[in-house]
Protein backbone atom coordinates (compact mmCIF):
# COMPACT_ATOMS: atom_id res chain seq x y z
CA GLN A 1 -16.08 9.56 5.73
CA LEU A 2 -13.84 6.57 6.38
CA GLN A 3 -10.25 7.21 7.37
CA ALA A 4 -7.87 4.27 7.61
CA SER A 5 -4.57 4.25 9.42
CA GLY A 6 -1.99 1.87 10.80
CA GLY A 7 -0.23 0.49 7.74
CA GLY A 8 3.47 -0.08 7.48
CA LEU A 9 6.35 -2.47 7.01
CA VAL A 10 6.59 -5.56 9.19
CA GLN A 11 8.58 -8.76 9.16
CA ALA A 12 6.92 -12.10 8.55
CA GLY A 13 5.44 -13.41 11.74
CA GLY A 14 4.84 -9.94 13.08
CA SER A 15 1.66 -8.12 13.95
CA LEU A 16 -0.09 -4.90 12.98
CA THR A 17 -3.39 -3.29 13.80
CA LEU A 18 -5.33 -1.23 11.29
CA SER A 19 -7.87 1.34 12.37
CA CYS A 20 -10.63 3.00 10.43
CA ALA A 21 -12.58 5.92 11.82
CA ALA A 22 -15.97 6.74 10.37
CA SER A 23 -17.48 10.19 10.43
CA GLY A 24 -20.69 11.75 9.27
CA ARG A 25 -22.78 8.61 9.50
CA THR A 26 -22.96 5.21 11.09
CA PHE A 27 -22.63 1.93 9.28
CA SER A 28 -24.49 -1.32 9.60
CA THR A 29 -21.66 -3.43 8.20
CA LEU A 30 -18.00 -2.50 8.14
CA ALA A 31 -15.31 -4.39 6.30
CA TRP A 32 -11.68 -4.57 5.36
CA PHE A 33 -10.63 -5.35 1.81
CA ARG A 34 -7.17 -5.67 0.30
CA GLN A 35 -5.65 -5.48 -3.13
CA ALA A 36 -2.25 -6.89 -3.96
CA PRO A 37 -0.36 -5.80 -7.08
CA GLY A 38 -1.83 -7.41 -10.16
CA LYS A 39 -4.71 -8.96 -8.23
CA GLN A 40 -8.35 -8.15 -7.72
CA ARG A 41 -9.56 -6.50 -4.56
CA GLU A 42 -10.72 -9.13 -2.09
CA LEU A 43 -12.73 -9.13 1.10
CA VAL A 44 -10.58 -9.78 4.16
CA ALA A 45 -13.21 -9.58 6.88
CA ASP A 46 -16.47 -7.91 7.73
CA ILE A 47 -18.48 -7.24 10.87
CA THR A 48 -22.10 -6.37 11.38
CA ARG A 49 -23.57 -3.93 13.86
CA GLY A 50 -24.37 -6.97 16.01
CA SER A 51 -20.69 -8.02 15.81
CA SER A 52 -21.20 -11.04 13.61
CA THR A 53 -17.99 -11.59 11.70
CA ASN A 54 -16.89 -13.18 8.47
CA TYR A 55 -13.32 -13.88 7.34
CA ALA A 56 -11.55 -14.90 4.18
CA ASP A 57 -10.13 -18.39 4.58
CA SER A 58 -6.62 -17.06 4.01
CA VAL A 59 -6.75 -14.90 7.15
CA LYS A 60 -8.97 -16.95 9.42
CA TYR A 61 -7.45 -17.53 12.85
CA ARG A 62 -4.73 -14.92 12.16
CA PHE A 63 -6.76 -11.72 11.73
CA THR A 64 -9.47 -10.36 14.01
CA ILE A 65 -11.96 -7.68 13.02
CA SER A 66 -13.68 -5.65 15.71
CA ARG A 67 -15.67 -2.46 15.99
CA ASP A 68 -16.30 0.21 18.58
CA GLY A 69 -19.75 1.73 18.27
CA ALA A 70 -18.97 4.62 20.58
CA LYS A 71 -15.98 5.61 18.46
CA ASN A 72 -17.69 4.66 15.19
CA SER A 73 -14.56 2.75 14.24
CA VAL A 74 -13.50 -0.62 12.93
CA TYR A 75 -10.19 -2.37 13.56
CA LEU A 76 -8.23 -5.21 12.05
CA GLN A 77 -5.76 -6.99 14.30
CA MET A 78 -3.33 -8.92 12.11
CA ASN A 79 -1.09 -11.57 13.65
CA ASN A 80 1.42 -13.98 12.17
CA LEU A 81 1.67 -11.87 9.04
CA LYS A 82 2.93 -13.52 5.87
CA PRO A 83 4.53 -12.03 2.74
CA GLU A 84 1.35 -12.89 0.85
CA ASP A 85 -0.55 -10.48 3.10
CA THR A 86 1.30 -7.62 1.39
CA ALA A 87 -1.33 -5.38 -0.16
CA VAL A 88 -3.13 -2.08 0.07
CA TYR A 89 -5.84 -2.45 2.69
CA TYR A 90 -9.13 -0.53 2.49
CA CYS A 91 -11.95 -0.12 4.95
CA ALA A 92 -15.47 0.03 3.60
CA GLY A 93 -18.94 0.49 4.99
CA ASP A 94 -22.56 -0.21 4.17
CA PRO A 95 -24.90 2.15 6.02
CA LEU A 96 -27.86 -0.17 5.49
CA SER A 97 -28.50 -3.67 6.75
CA ARG A 98 -28.28 -5.46 3.41
CA ARG A 99 -27.37 -9.01 2.56
CA PRO A 100 -25.06 -9.19 0.85
CA PRO A 101 -23.67 -5.85 1.96
CA SER A 102 -23.24 -3.09 -0.58
CA TYR A 103 -20.09 -1.19 0.26
CA VAL A 104 -20.77 2.28 -1.08
CA TYR A 105 -18.38 4.09 1.23
CA TRP A 106 -14.64 3.52 1.04
CA GLY A 107 -11.66 4.81 2.90
CA GLN A 108 -8.33 5.56 1.34
CA GLY A 109 -5.99 2.62 1.23
CA THR A 110 -3.17 1.93 3.61
CA GLN A 111 -0.14 -0.09 2.53
CA ILE A 112 0.93 -3.21 4.40
CA THR A 113 4.25 -4.71 3.37
CA VAL A 114 5.39 -7.97 4.94
CA SER A 115 9.04 -8.84 4.41
CA SER A 116 10.27 -12.41 4.48
């Protein structure tokens, strides 16, 4: 129900945009997570239906999360990428307006590799 796309290989300092298309239902909160090798999955950013956003400190001012209600999609614009951003990125959604969100729906991961 969540389909992520847009991963790839990029040089440090470059940019990429991830997209995640939802189908079958709408979501109150949508988010991007990432998991680097040997590390726990971490929240990168999330966005509510009202477009309130929240970012991990490590990506603040470099990444921008946005959503398109008409397309039922969420995006992650990533600028000034660093090697430490290398990870598998996942989109996730909570269909209910819960705080904190409960991400019960997950897309497949998409690999981002940032070369130095």
